[in-house]
Amino acid sequence: MARSLKWQNNFALLTGGVSGVAEKVARSFQYTWNQEKTAPIFHIQPQGFELWDFGTNLFD
């Protein structure tokens, strides 16, 4: 899935910033994009959550 999404123009991945399926998809997306450039990934997290080590961490 991440490989096919990579080729879409103006596409960004938005997650809820919690572990699980969303994290797996986001990490796969990040890995695929890192072959060429930084992936446009954003995590909207509740305050107090630990920052993820990739993407842009935003707080609600």
C-alpha atoms as a PDB file:
ATOM      1  CA  MET A   1       0.000   0.000   0.000  1.00  0.00           C
ATOM      2  CA  ALA A   2       2.725   2.481   0.935  1.00  0.00           C
ATOM      3  CA  ARG A   3       4.469   1.942  -2.396  1.00  0.00           C
ATOM      4  CA  SER A   4       1.349   2.861  -4.345  1.00  0.00           C
ATOM      5  CA  LEU A   5       0.592   5.906  -2.160  1.00  0.00           C
ATOM      6  CA  LYS A   6       4.101   7.241  -2.638  1.00  0.00           C
ATOM      7  CA  TRP A   7       3.424   8.120  -6.269  1.00  0.00           C
ATOM      8  CA  GLN A   8       0.352  10.259  -5.546  1.00  0.00           C
ATOM      9  CA  ASN A   9       1.005  13.987  -5.907  1.00  0.00           C
ATOM     10  CA  ASN A  10       0.223  16.229  -2.932  1.00  0.00           C
ATOM     11  CA  PHE A  11      -0.369  13.273  -0.621  1.00  0.00           C
ATOM     12  CA  ALA A  12       0.393  13.337   3.103  1.00  0.00           C
ATOM     13  CA  LEU A  13      -0.222  10.658   5.715  1.00  0.00           C
ATOM     14  CA  LEU A  14      -1.993  11.704   8.919  1.00  0.00           C
ATOM     15  CA  THR A  15      -2.078   9.448  11.998  1.00  0.00           C
ATOM     16  CA  GLY A  16      -3.489   9.663  15.489  1.00  0.00           C
ATOM     17  CA  GLY A  17       0.007   9.214  16.913  1.00  0.00           C
ATOM     18  CA  VAL A  18      -0.689   5.987  18.796  1.00  0.00           C
ATOM     19  CA  SER A  19       0.769   2.504  18.341  1.00  0.00           C
ATOM     20  CA  GLY A  20      -0.942  -0.138  16.240  1.00  0.00           C
ATOM     21  CA  VAL A  21      -1.972  -0.413  12.608  1.00  0.00           C
ATOM     22  CA  ALA A  22      -1.556   3.322  11.972  1.00  0.00           C
ATOM     23  CA  GLU A  23       2.044   3.175  13.177  1.00  0.00           C
ATOM     24  CA  LYS A  24       2.810   0.161  10.960  1.00  0.00           C
ATOM     25  CA  VAL A  25       1.356   1.903   7.890  1.00  0.00           C
ATOM     26  CA  ALA A  26       3.190   5.149   8.721  1.00  0.00           C
ATOM     27  CA  ARG A  27       6.536   3.383   9.181  1.00  0.00           C
ATOM     28  CA  SER A  28       6.068   1.518   5.900  1.00  0.00           C
ATOM     29  CA  PHE A  29       5.211   4.802   4.179  1.00  0.00           C
ATOM     30  CA  GLN A  30       8.285   6.445   5.741  1.00  0.00           C
ATOM     31  CA  TYR A  31      10.556   3.585   4.643  1.00  0.00           C
ATOM     32  CA  THR A  32       9.270   3.726   1.063  1.00  0.00           C
ATOM     33  CA  TRP A  33       9.694   7.501   0.813  1.00  0.00           C
ATOM     34  CA  ASN A  34      13.143   7.554   2.428  1.00  0.00           C
ATOM     35  CA  GLN A  35      14.528   5.960  -0.705  1.00  0.00           C
ATOM     36  CA  GLU A  36      14.189   9.408  -2.362  1.00  0.00           C
ATOM     37  CA  LYS A  37      13.059  12.135   0.064  1.00  0.00           C
ATOM     38  CA  THR A  38      11.423  12.842   3.425  1.00  0.00           C
ATOM     39  CA  ALA A  39       7.893  11.504   3.729  1.00  0.00           C
ATOM     40  CA  PRO A  40       5.045  13.940   4.468  1.00  0.00           C
ATOM     41  CA  ILE A  41       3.811  12.239   7.665  1.00  0.00           C
ATOM     42  CA  PHE A  42       2.019  14.073  10.476  1.00  0.00           C
ATOM     43  CA  HIS A  43       0.986  12.654  13.859  1.00  0.00           C
ATOM     44  CA  ILE A  44      -1.756  14.448  15.806  1.00  0.00           C
ATOM     45  CA  GLN A  45      -1.167  13.356  19.387  1.00  0.00           C
ATOM     46  CA  PRO A  46      -2.824  14.122  22.710  1.00  0.00           C
ATOM     47  CA  GLN A  47      -0.566  16.183  24.966  1.00  0.00           C
ATOM     48  CA  GLY A  48       1.673  14.071  27.135  1.00  0.00           C
ATOM     49  CA  PHE A  49       2.217  11.328  24.551  1.00  0.00           C
ATOM     50  CA  GLU A  50       5.789  10.383  23.685  1.00  0.00           C
ATOM     51  CA  LEU A  51       7.059  11.865  20.409  1.00  0.00           C
ATOM     52  CA  TRP A  52       7.558   9.464  17.522  1.00  0.00           C
ATOM     53  CA  ASP A  53      11.007   9.262  15.963  1.00  0.00           C
ATOM     54  CA  PHE A  54       9.789  10.085  12.438  1.00  0.00           C
ATOM     55  CA  GLY A  55       7.344  12.422  10.765  1.00  0.00           C
ATOM     56  CA  THR A  56       6.092  15.674  12.269  1.00  0.00           C
ATOM     57  CA  ASN A  57       4.570  15.441  15.746  1.00  0.00           C
ATOM     58  CA  LEU A  58       1.630  17.788  16.376  1.00  0.00           C
ATOM     59  CA  PHE A  59      -0.388  18.080  19.576  1.00  0.00           C
ATOM     60  CA  ASP A  60      -4.128  18.315  20.083  1.00  0.00           C
END
